[in-house]
């Protein structure tokens, strides 16, 4: 019998699906979809990742009930939490694009429409524990509270008004630093606000700063740390340059919790850390101690 070399060496490969005609093809896996959070109904905690109902979050002063993380709140919400009443000052102050920085005019217009604010700080007067107080509150939604001409001008005017009326000042500080779109004009606000703070202090009047997350850059190098009493919110990032910039500069790993409120207090740069839900009570006690029961 003759051996068929062609048939042996060049035979067609057996069909892998042969004999499986009746076997159903495996179902294709559907792509996994992330849970969609309905707008304004719930929020995801930026620290622990848990989904929290917005009503629950608001009732807990914007603090995550799962991990205790303090989420950022806007300037007017903070005022509502700490003041019994509020009368706004310098509401019409706003700045333009003095240096013709590309796109800055459009950015300002967009932020004003989205936030309803002219710029990154709200100033005014109101009672805290019966004491009439001048207040400024910085807003993270407006370029992370960065300090440009308008922010510096309004804060300086608040101190000048408080000096004229013999009022204490409480400042809720939040900022990413000087506003680069305004260049040297932004940096000039450090000197202007510091001068207004100094005159207020020379008049023997009380200034309390409440450092929130984040307090950095030119703001931390000026009026944020020039107060008589420095309070800080739990876990707030407080410093001049951010930790990533420092690590890249010195090429060393920073200690755990570096530049957080607890670290700052431990090193003597803050007087006390206060829970947000206790902030109004603490401020009222300090103001009454220094200013008396009631200032009309």
C-alpha atoms as a PDB file:
ATOM      1  CA  UNK A   1       0.000   0.000   0.000  1.00  0.00           C
ATOM      2  CA  UNK A   2       1.387   3.340  -1.044  1.00  0.00           C
ATOM      3  CA  UNK A   3       1.724   5.993   1.729  1.00  0.00           C
ATOM      4  CA  UNK A   4       0.037   9.297   0.797  1.00  0.00           C
ATOM      5  CA  UNK A   5       2.540  11.933   1.916  1.00  0.00           C
ATOM      6  CA  UNK A   6       0.451  14.884   0.664  1.00  0.00           C
ATOM      7  CA  UNK A   7      -2.623  13.773   2.565  1.00  0.00           C
ATOM      8  CA  UNK A   8      -0.626  13.181   5.761  1.00  0.00           C
ATOM      9  CA  UNK A   9       1.459  16.334   5.819  1.00  0.00           C
ATOM     10  CA  UNK A  10      -0.919  18.794   4.188  1.00  0.00           C
ATOM     11  CA  UNK A  11      -4.257  17.771   5.606  1.00  0.00           C
ATOM     12  CA  UNK A  12      -6.649  20.556   6.509  1.00  0.00           C
ATOM     13  CA  UNK A  13      -6.861  21.444  10.226  1.00  0.00           C
ATOM     14  CA  UNK A  14      -9.895  20.155  11.968  1.00  0.00           C
ATOM     15  CA  UNK A  15     -12.537  22.869  12.433  1.00  0.00           C
ATOM     16  CA  UNK A  16     -12.462  23.792  16.080  1.00  0.00           C
ATOM     17  CA  UNK A  17     -16.183  24.332  16.003  1.00  0.00           C
ATOM     18  CA  UNK A  18     -16.895  20.979  14.348  1.00  0.00           C
ATOM     19  CA  UNK A  19     -19.476  19.061  16.284  1.00  0.00           C
ATOM     20  CA  UNK A  20     -20.528  22.087  18.270  1.00  0.00           C
ATOM     21  CA  UNK A  21     -23.244  23.306  15.983  1.00  0.00           C
ATOM     22  CA  UNK A  22     -25.892  22.855  18.656  1.00  0.00           C
ATOM     23  CA  UNK A  23     -23.868  24.483  21.436  1.00  0.00           C
ATOM     24  CA  UNK A  24     -25.023  28.064  21.972  1.00  0.00           C
ATOM     25  CA  UNK A  25     -22.351  30.734  21.618  1.00  0.00           C
ATOM     26  CA  UNK A  26     -21.312  32.326  24.890  1.00  0.00           C
ATOM     27  CA  UNK A  27     -23.177  35.520  25.614  1.00  0.00           C
ATOM     28  CA  UNK A  28     -21.134  38.685  25.241  1.00  0.00           C
ATOM     29  CA  UNK A  29     -20.477  40.463  28.527  1.00  0.00           C
ATOM     30  CA  UNK A  30     -22.135  43.842  28.723  1.00  0.00           C
ATOM     31  CA  UNK A  31     -19.770  46.677  29.615  1.00  0.00           C
ATOM     32  CA  UNK A  32     -19.977  47.601  33.277  1.00  0.00           C
ATOM     33  CA  UNK A  33     -21.617  50.932  33.891  1.00  0.00           C
ATOM     34  CA  UNK A  34     -20.844  53.180  36.824  1.00  0.00           C
ATOM     35  CA  UNK A  35     -23.719  54.164  39.047  1.00  0.00           C
ATOM     36  CA  UNK A  36     -25.225  57.443  37.911  1.00  0.00           C
ATOM     37  CA  UNK A  37     -25.847  59.878  40.746  1.00  0.00           C
ATOM     38  CA  UNK A  38     -28.973  61.977  40.085  1.00  0.00           C
ATOM     39  CA  UNK A  39     -28.071  65.660  40.007  1.00  0.00           C
ATOM     40  CA  UNK A  40     -28.785  67.526  43.263  1.00  0.00           C
ATOM     41  CA  UNK A  41     -30.082  64.340  44.921  1.00  0.00           C
ATOM     42  CA  UNK A  42     -26.880  62.716  46.163  1.00  0.00           C
ATOM     43  CA  UNK A  43     -23.142  63.326  46.214  1.00  0.00           C
ATOM     44  CA  UNK A  44     -20.047  61.167  46.336  1.00  0.00           C
ATOM     45  CA  UNK A  45     -17.649  61.813  49.206  1.00  0.00           C
ATOM     46  CA  UNK A  46     -14.290  62.834  47.724  1.00  0.00           C
ATOM     47  CA  UNK A  47     -12.460  61.050  50.545  1.00  0.00           C
ATOM     48  CA  UNK A  48     -14.232  57.730  51.251  1.00  0.00           C
ATOM     49  CA  UNK A  49     -16.197  57.451  47.984  1.00  0.00           C
ATOM     50  CA  UNK A  50     -19.514  56.725  49.708  1.00  0.00           C
ATOM     51  CA  UNK A  51     -22.745  58.018  48.177  1.00  0.00           C
ATOM     52  CA  UNK A  52     -24.588  60.375  50.534  1.00  0.00           C
ATOM     53  CA  UNK A  53     -28.006  61.919  50.060  1.00  0.00           C
ATOM     54  CA  UNK A  54     -27.686  65.679  49.690  1.00  0.00           C
ATOM     55  CA  UNK A  55     -30.368  66.304  52.323  1.00  0.00           C
ATOM     56  CA  UNK A  56     -28.413  64.171  54.787  1.00  0.00           C
ATOM     57  CA  UNK A  57     -25.209  65.990  53.922  1.00  0.00           C
ATOM     58  CA  UNK A  58     -26.805  69.420  54.353  1.00  0.00           C
ATOM     59  CA  UNK A  59     -28.320  68.424  57.688  1.00  0.00           C
ATOM     60  CA  UNK A  60     -24.836  67.367  58.838  1.00  0.00           C
ATOM     61  CA  UNK A  61     -23.261  70.758  57.987  1.00  0.00           C
ATOM     62  CA  UNK A  62     -21.671  69.385  54.801  1.00  0.00           C
ATOM     63  CA  UNK A  63     -19.743  66.735  56.737  1.00  0.00           C
ATOM     64  CA  UNK A  64     -19.679  63.152  55.448  1.00  0.00           C
ATOM     65  CA  UNK A  65     -21.526  60.979  58.012  1.00  0.00           C
ATOM     66  CA  UNK A  66     -19.425  57.961  56.968  1.00  0.00           C
ATOM     67  CA  UNK A  67     -15.858  59.284  57.395  1.00  0.00           C
ATOM     68  CA  UNK A  68     -16.196  62.786  58.854  1.00  0.00           C
ATOM     69  CA  UNK A  69     -14.676  64.540  55.833  1.00  0.00           C
ATOM     70  CA  UNK A  70     -15.600  68.245  55.599  1.00  0.00           C
ATOM     71  CA  UNK A  71     -16.649  69.025  52.061  1.00  0.00           C
ATOM     72  CA  UNK A  72     -16.222  72.563  50.779  1.00  0.00           C
ATOM     73  CA  UNK A  73     -19.202  74.847  51.238  1.00  0.00           C
ATOM     74  CA  UNK A  74     -19.802  78.159  49.507  1.00  0.00           C
ATOM     75  CA  UNK A  75     -19.350  81.558  51.135  1.00  0.00           C
ATOM     76  CA  UNK A  76     -23.007  82.280  51.859  1.00  0.00           C
ATOM     77  CA  UNK A  77     -23.680  78.806  53.247  1.00  0.00           C
ATOM     78  CA  UNK A  78     -20.858  79.331  55.752  1.00  0.00           C
ATOM     79  CA  UNK A  79     -22.282  82.709  56.723  1.00  0.00           C
ATOM     80  CA  UNK A  80     -25.719  81.122  57.222  1.00  0.00           C
ATOM     81  CA  UNK A  81     -24.209  78.488  59.534  1.00  0.00           C
ATOM     82  CA  UNK A  82     -22.431  80.984  61.792  1.00  0.00           C
ATOM     83  CA  UNK A  83     -24.402  84.253  61.770  1.00  0.00           C
ATOM     84  CA  UNK A  84     -27.845  85.077  63.144  1.00  0.00           C
ATOM     85  CA  UNK A  85     -28.355  87.768  60.503  1.00  0.00           C
ATOM     86  CA  UNK A  86     -26.337  89.300  57.687  1.00  0.00           C
ATOM     87  CA  UNK A  87     -26.133  92.613  55.853  1.00  0.00           C
ATOM     88  CA  UNK A  88     -23.871  92.549  52.814  1.00  0.00           C
ATOM     89  CA  UNK A  89     -21.293  95.266  52.138  1.00  0.00           C
ATOM     90  CA  UNK A  90     -19.452  96.187  48.920  1.00  0.00           C
ATOM     91  CA  UNK A  91     -21.671  93.879  46.861  1.00  0.00           C
ATOM     92  CA  UNK A  92     -21.126  95.820  43.632  1.00  0.00           C
ATOM     93  CA  UNK A  93     -17.322  95.579  43.676  1.00  0.00           C
ATOM     94  CA  UNK A  94     -15.954  93.769  40.647  1.00  0.00           C
ATOM     95  CA  UNK A  95     -12.796  93.878  38.560  1.00  0.00           C
ATOM     96  CA  UNK A  96     -12.056  93.508  34.879  1.00  0.00           C
ATOM     97  CA  UNK A  97      -9.243  92.115  32.779  1.00  0.00           C
ATOM     98  CA  UNK A  98      -6.714  94.888  33.466  1.00  0.00           C
ATOM     99  CA  UNK A  99      -3.756  92.972  32.003  1.00  0.00           C
ATOM    100  CA  UNK A 100      -5.715  91.660  28.982  1.00  0.00           C
ATOM    101  CA  UNK A 101      -4.947  88.099  30.038  1.00  0.00           C
ATOM    102  CA  UNK A 102      -6.230  85.741  27.283  1.00  0.00           C
ATOM    103  CA  UNK A 103      -9.625  84.242  28.108  1.00  0.00           C
ATOM    104  CA  UNK A 104      -9.876  85.888  31.545  1.00  0.00           C
ATOM    105  CA  UNK A 105     -12.818  88.150  30.643  1.00  0.00           C
ATOM    106  CA  UNK A 106     -14.843  85.165  29.437  1.00  0.00           C
ATOM    107  CA  UNK A 107     -13.890  83.118  32.495  1.00  0.00           C
ATOM    108  CA  UNK A 108     -15.038  85.854  34.879  1.00  0.00           C
ATOM    109  CA  UNK A 109     -18.340  86.209  33.037  1.00  0.00           C
ATOM    110  CA  UNK A 110     -18.914  82.442  33.124  1.00  0.00           C
ATOM    111  CA  UNK A 111     -18.161  82.186  36.853  1.00  0.00           C
ATOM    112  CA  UNK A 112     -20.400  85.135  37.690  1.00  0.00           C
ATOM    113  CA  UNK A 113     -23.248  83.466  35.855  1.00  0.00           C
ATOM    114  CA  UNK A 114     -22.666  80.061  37.476  1.00  0.00           C
ATOM    115  CA  UNK A 115     -22.129  81.219  41.060  1.00  0.00           C
ATOM    116  CA  UNK A 116     -24.216  84.368  41.222  1.00  0.00           C
ATOM    117  CA  UNK A 117     -21.225  86.135  42.835  1.00  0.00           C
ATOM    118  CA  UNK A 118     -19.238  89.078  41.470  1.00  0.00           C
ATOM    119  CA  UNK A 119     -15.969  87.568  42.736  1.00  0.00           C
ATOM    120  CA  UNK A 120     -14.436  85.178  45.272  1.00  0.00           C
ATOM    121  CA  UNK A 121     -15.442  86.770  48.599  1.00  0.00           C
ATOM    122  CA  UNK A 122     -18.635  87.902  50.339  1.00  0.00           C
ATOM    123  CA  UNK A 123     -18.345  90.657  52.975  1.00  0.00           C
ATOM    124  CA  UNK A 124     -20.743  92.234  55.432  1.00  0.00           C
ATOM    125  CA  UNK A 125     -21.878  92.517  59.041  1.00  0.00           C
ATOM    126  CA  UNK A 126     -24.065  90.410  61.292  1.00  0.00           C
ATOM    127  CA  UNK A 127     -24.532  89.150  64.820  1.00  0.00           C
ATOM    128  CA  UNK A 128     -22.726  86.127  66.223  1.00  0.00           C
ATOM    129  CA  UNK A 129     -23.885  85.286  69.744  1.00  0.00           C
ATOM    130  CA  UNK A 130     -25.318  88.783  70.102  1.00  0.00           C
ATOM    131  CA  UNK A 131     -22.097  90.532  69.035  1.00  0.00           C
ATOM    132  CA  UNK A 132     -22.214  92.669  65.906  1.00  0.00           C
ATOM    133  CA  UNK A 133     -19.283  91.531  63.787  1.00  0.00           C
ATOM    134  CA  UNK A 134     -17.736  92.379  60.421  1.00  0.00           C
ATOM    135  CA  UNK A 135     -17.351  89.216  58.355  1.00  0.00           C
ATOM    136  CA  UNK A 136     -15.732  88.104  55.127  1.00  0.00           C
ATOM    137  CA  UNK A 137     -16.202  84.641  53.648  1.00  0.00           C
ATOM    138  CA  UNK A 138     -14.215  83.346  50.674  1.00  0.00           C
ATOM    139  CA  UNK A 139     -15.843  81.174  48.002  1.00  0.00           C
ATOM    140  CA  UNK A 140     -14.142  78.083  46.509  1.00  0.00           C
ATOM    141  CA  UNK A 141     -16.446  78.132  43.475  1.00  0.00           C
ATOM    142  CA  UNK A 142     -14.872  81.328  42.157  1.00  0.00           C
ATOM    143  CA  UNK A 143     -11.406  80.237  40.994  1.00  0.00           C
ATOM    144  CA  UNK A 144     -10.841  78.472  44.337  1.00  0.00           C
ATOM    145  CA  UNK A 145     -11.091  81.782  46.191  1.00  0.00           C
ATOM    146  CA  UNK A 146      -7.916  83.060  44.549  1.00  0.00           C
ATOM    147  CA  UNK A 147      -7.029  86.632  45.554  1.00  0.00           C
ATOM    148  CA  UNK A 148      -7.262  89.201  42.805  1.00  0.00           C
ATOM    149  CA  UNK A 149      -7.909  92.936  42.996  1.00  0.00           C
ATOM    150  CA  UNK A 150     -11.573  92.666  43.961  1.00  0.00           C
ATOM    151  CA  UNK A 151     -11.019  90.067  46.685  1.00  0.00           C
ATOM    152  CA  UNK A 152      -8.213  92.127  48.227  1.00  0.00           C
ATOM    153  CA  UNK A 153     -10.152  95.371  47.920  1.00  0.00           C
ATOM    154  CA  UNK A 154     -13.287  93.997  49.586  1.00  0.00           C
ATOM    155  CA  UNK A 155     -11.357  92.411  52.463  1.00  0.00           C
ATOM    156  CA  UNK A 156      -9.337  95.600  53.039  1.00  0.00           C
ATOM    157  CA  UNK A 157     -12.549  97.670  53.003  1.00  0.00           C
ATOM    158  CA  UNK A 158     -14.120  95.269  55.508  1.00  0.00           C
ATOM    159  CA  UNK A 159     -11.266  95.880  57.965  1.00  0.00           C
ATOM    160  CA  UNK A 160     -11.429  99.637  57.364  1.00  0.00           C
ATOM    161  CA  UNK A 161     -15.184  99.624  57.994  1.00  0.00           C
ATOM    162  CA  UNK A 162     -14.724  97.521  61.137  1.00  0.00           C
ATOM    163  CA  UNK A 163     -12.031  99.913  62.405  1.00  0.00           C
ATOM    164  CA  UNK A 164     -14.296 102.916  61.807  1.00  0.00           C
ATOM    165  CA  UNK A 165     -17.264 101.239  63.557  1.00  0.00           C
ATOM    166  CA  UNK A 166     -15.137  99.564  66.310  1.00  0.00           C
ATOM    167  CA  UNK A 167     -16.222  96.071  65.297  1.00  0.00           C
ATOM    168  CA  UNK A 168     -14.423  92.739  65.607  1.00  0.00           C
ATOM    169  CA  UNK A 169     -13.721  90.851  62.369  1.00  0.00           C
ATOM    170  CA  UNK A 170     -14.247  87.159  61.621  1.00  0.00           C
ATOM    171  CA  UNK A 171     -12.764  85.881  58.374  1.00  0.00           C
ATOM    172  CA  UNK A 172     -13.609  82.512  56.838  1.00  0.00           C
ATOM    173  CA  UNK A 173     -10.485  81.956  54.772  1.00  0.00           C
ATOM    174  CA  UNK A 174     -10.248  79.685  51.748  1.00  0.00           C
ATOM    175  CA  UNK A 175      -7.871  80.261  48.873  1.00  0.00           C
ATOM    176  CA  UNK A 176      -5.579  78.683  46.348  1.00  0.00           C
ATOM    177  CA  UNK A 177      -3.403  81.804  46.563  1.00  0.00           C
ATOM    178  CA  UNK A 178      -2.825  84.859  44.381  1.00  0.00           C
ATOM    179  CA  UNK A 179      -4.686  85.040  41.065  1.00  0.00           C
ATOM    180  CA  UNK A 180      -2.137  84.617  38.288  1.00  0.00           C
ATOM    181  CA  UNK A 181      -4.361  86.290  35.668  1.00  0.00           C
ATOM    182  CA  UNK A 182      -3.867  89.591  37.510  1.00  0.00           C
ATOM    183  CA  UNK A 183      -0.102  89.323  37.980  1.00  0.00           C
ATOM    184  CA  UNK A 184       1.518  91.946  40.209  1.00  0.00           C
ATOM    185  CA  UNK A 185      -1.894  93.520  40.911  1.00  0.00           C
ATOM    186  CA  UNK A 186      -2.837  90.320  42.711  1.00  0.00           C
ATOM    187  CA  UNK A 187       0.383  90.251  44.745  1.00  0.00           C
ATOM    188  CA  UNK A 188      -0.186  93.879  45.795  1.00  0.00           C
ATOM    189  CA  UNK A 189      -3.301  92.747  47.669  1.00  0.00           C
ATOM    190  CA  UNK A 190      -1.083  91.022  50.244  1.00  0.00           C
ATOM    191  CA  UNK A 191       0.360  94.372  51.353  1.00  0.00           C
ATOM    192  CA  UNK A 192      -2.976  96.187  51.131  1.00  0.00           C
ATOM    193  CA  UNK A 193      -4.905  93.694  53.252  1.00  0.00           C
ATOM    194  CA  UNK A 194      -2.031  93.405  55.752  1.00  0.00           C
ATOM    195  CA  UNK A 195      -2.005  97.191  56.235  1.00  0.00           C
ATOM    196  CA  UNK A 196      -5.763  97.207  56.887  1.00  0.00           C
ATOM    197  CA  UNK A 197      -5.405  94.337  59.385  1.00  0.00           C
ATOM    198  CA  UNK A 198      -2.593  96.206  61.194  1.00  0.00           C
ATOM    199  CA  UNK A 199      -4.669  99.398  61.579  1.00  0.00           C
ATOM    200  CA  UNK A 200      -7.595  97.351  62.883  1.00  0.00           C
ATOM    201  CA  UNK A 201      -5.289  95.727  65.445  1.00  0.00           C
ATOM    202  CA  UNK A 202      -3.755  99.074  66.470  1.00  0.00           C
ATOM    203  CA  UNK A 203      -7.268 100.229  67.337  1.00  0.00           C
ATOM    204  CA  UNK A 204      -7.409  97.391  69.892  1.00  0.00           C
ATOM    205  CA  UNK A 205     -10.009  95.389  67.958  1.00  0.00           C
ATOM    206  CA  UNK A 206     -10.301  91.602  67.698  1.00  0.00           C
ATOM    207  CA  UNK A 207      -9.699  89.634  64.497  1.00  0.00           C
ATOM    208  CA  UNK A 208     -10.413  85.889  64.288  1.00  0.00           C
ATOM    209  CA  UNK A 209      -9.453  83.919  61.182  1.00  0.00           C
ATOM    210  CA  UNK A 210     -11.031  80.554  60.451  1.00  0.00           C
ATOM    211  CA  UNK A 211      -8.755  78.587  58.113  1.00  0.00           C
ATOM    212  CA  UNK A 212     -10.620  76.158  55.874  1.00  0.00           C
ATOM    213  CA  UNK A 213      -9.599  73.772  53.104  1.00  0.00           C
ATOM    214  CA  UNK A 214      -7.462  74.976  51.365  1.00  0.00           C
ATOM    215  CA  UNK A 215      -5.659  78.032  52.778  1.00  0.00           C
ATOM    216  CA  UNK A 216      -2.525  78.497  50.694  1.00  0.00           C
ATOM    217  CA  UNK A 217      -0.297  80.873  48.755  1.00  0.00           C
ATOM    218  CA  UNK A 218      -0.370  84.654  49.130  1.00  0.00           C
ATOM    219  CA  UNK A 219      -3.441  84.526  51.356  1.00  0.00           C
ATOM    220  CA  UNK A 220      -1.681  82.346  53.939  1.00  0.00           C
ATOM    221  CA  UNK A 221       1.297  84.717  53.702  1.00  0.00           C
ATOM    222  CA  UNK A 222      -0.868  87.737  54.539  1.00  0.00           C
ATOM    223  CA  UNK A 223      -4.176  88.198  56.340  1.00  0.00           C
ATOM    224  CA  UNK A 224      -4.876  84.502  57.055  1.00  0.00           C
ATOM    225  CA  UNK A 225      -2.130  84.282  59.697  1.00  0.00           C
ATOM    226  CA  UNK A 226      -2.268  87.894  60.946  1.00  0.00           C
ATOM    227  CA  UNK A 227      -5.244  87.377  63.246  1.00  0.00           C
ATOM    228  CA  UNK A 228      -5.341  87.481  67.045  1.00  0.00           C
ATOM    229  CA  UNK A 229      -6.882  84.005  67.163  1.00  0.00           C
ATOM    230  CA  UNK A 230      -6.364  81.388  64.457  1.00  0.00           C
ATOM    231  CA  UNK A 231      -9.015  78.686  64.233  1.00  0.00           C
ATOM    232  CA  UNK A 232      -8.927  75.850  61.707  1.00  0.00           C
ATOM    233  CA  UNK A 233     -11.365  73.295  60.394  1.00  0.00           C
ATOM    234  CA  UNK A 234     -10.563  69.622  60.838  1.00  0.00           C
ATOM    235  CA  UNK A 235      -8.370  68.216  58.061  1.00  0.00           C
ATOM    236  CA  UNK A 236      -7.942  71.525  56.213  1.00  0.00           C
ATOM    237  CA  UNK A 237      -4.882  71.927  53.974  1.00  0.00           C
ATOM    238  CA  UNK A 238      -2.958  74.944  55.281  1.00  0.00           C
ATOM    239  CA  UNK A 239       0.396  76.208  54.039  1.00  0.00           C
ATOM    240  CA  UNK A 240       2.193  78.318  51.452  1.00  0.00           C
ATOM    241  CA  UNK A 241       3.358  75.978  48.686  1.00  0.00           C
ATOM    242  CA  UNK A 242       1.387  72.754  48.300  1.00  0.00           C
ATOM    243  CA  UNK A 243       2.823  69.415  49.476  1.00  0.00           C
ATOM    244  CA  UNK A 244       3.401  68.137  45.927  1.00  0.00           C
ATOM    245  CA  UNK A 245       5.446  71.221  45.045  1.00  0.00           C
ATOM    246  CA  UNK A 246       7.527  70.806  48.206  1.00  0.00           C
ATOM    247  CA  UNK A 247       8.139  67.090  47.547  1.00  0.00           C
ATOM    248  CA  UNK A 248       9.265  67.805  43.986  1.00  0.00           C
ATOM    249  CA  UNK A 249      11.570  70.570  45.227  1.00  0.00           C
ATOM    250  CA  UNK A 250      13.296  68.771  48.113  1.00  0.00           C
ATOM    251  CA  UNK A 251      12.900  65.298  46.543  1.00  0.00           C
ATOM    252  CA  UNK A 252      11.813  63.785  49.845  1.00  0.00           C
ATOM    253  CA  UNK A 253       8.616  62.184  51.066  1.00  0.00           C
ATOM    254  CA  UNK A 254       6.747  64.447  53.475  1.00  0.00           C
ATOM    255  CA  UNK A 255       5.418  63.223  56.847  1.00  0.00           C
ATOM    256  CA  UNK A 256       1.886  61.832  57.013  1.00  0.00           C
ATOM    257  CA  UNK A 257      -0.634  64.633  57.470  1.00  0.00           C
ATOM    258  CA  UNK A 258       1.904  67.344  56.605  1.00  0.00           C
ATOM    259  CA  UNK A 259       0.256  70.805  56.283  1.00  0.00           C
ATOM    260  CA  UNK A 260      -3.078  69.551  57.545  1.00  0.00           C
ATOM    261  CA  UNK A 261      -4.856  71.472  60.322  1.00  0.00           C
ATOM    262  CA  UNK A 262      -3.826  68.973  63.002  1.00  0.00           C
ATOM    263  CA  UNK A 263      -0.157  69.229  61.961  1.00  0.00           C
ATOM    264  CA  UNK A 264      -0.356  73.039  61.927  1.00  0.00           C
ATOM    265  CA  UNK A 265      -1.872  73.095  65.427  1.00  0.00           C
ATOM    266  CA  UNK A 266       0.774  70.689  66.742  1.00  0.00           C
ATOM    267  CA  UNK A 267       3.530  73.005  65.440  1.00  0.00           C
ATOM    268  CA  UNK A 268       1.938  76.059  67.073  1.00  0.00           C
ATOM    269  CA  UNK A 269       0.611  77.818  63.970  1.00  0.00           C
ATOM    270  CA  UNK A 270      -3.074  77.443  64.909  1.00  0.00           C
ATOM    271  CA  UNK A 271      -4.732  78.021  68.274  1.00  0.00           C
ATOM    272  CA  UNK A 272      -7.510  75.467  68.005  1.00  0.00           C
ATOM    273  CA  UNK A 273      -9.268  73.096  65.637  1.00  0.00           C
ATOM    274  CA  UNK A 274     -13.035  73.400  65.668  1.00  0.00           C
ATOM    275  CA  UNK A 275     -15.686  71.061  64.271  1.00  0.00           C
ATOM    276  CA  UNK A 276     -17.890  72.832  61.742  1.00  0.00           C
ATOM    277  CA  UNK A 277     -21.049  72.081  63.691  1.00  0.00           C
ATOM    278  CA  UNK A 278     -19.503  73.764  66.771  1.00  0.00           C
ATOM    279  CA  UNK A 279     -18.071  76.773  64.921  1.00  0.00           C
ATOM    280  CA  UNK A 280     -20.885  79.227  65.680  1.00  0.00           C
ATOM    281  CA  UNK A 281     -20.868  78.365  69.386  1.00  0.00           C
ATOM    282  CA  UNK A 282     -17.062  78.730  69.658  1.00  0.00           C
ATOM    283  CA  UNK A 283     -17.020  82.030  67.789  1.00  0.00           C
ATOM    284  CA  UNK A 284     -19.848  83.405  69.928  1.00  0.00           C
ATOM    285  CA  UNK A 285     -18.051  82.461  73.160  1.00  0.00           C
ATOM    286  CA  UNK A 286     -14.781  84.128  72.073  1.00  0.00           C
ATOM    287  CA  UNK A 287     -16.520  87.255  70.798  1.00  0.00           C
ATOM    288  CA  UNK A 288     -18.543  87.670  73.993  1.00  0.00           C
ATOM    289  CA  UNK A 289     -15.402  87.169  76.081  1.00  0.00           C
ATOM    290  CA  UNK A 290     -13.557  89.943  74.239  1.00  0.00           C
ATOM    291  CA  UNK A 291     -16.394  92.274  73.279  1.00  0.00           C
ATOM    292  CA  UNK A 292     -19.035  91.875  75.995  1.00  0.00           C
ATOM    293  CA  UNK A 293     -22.460  90.330  75.823  1.00  0.00           C
ATOM    294  CA  UNK A 294     -23.960  92.541  73.129  1.00  0.00           C
ATOM    295  CA  UNK A 295     -22.566  95.075  70.690  1.00  0.00           C
ATOM    296  CA  UNK A 296     -25.440  96.914  68.986  1.00  0.00           C
END
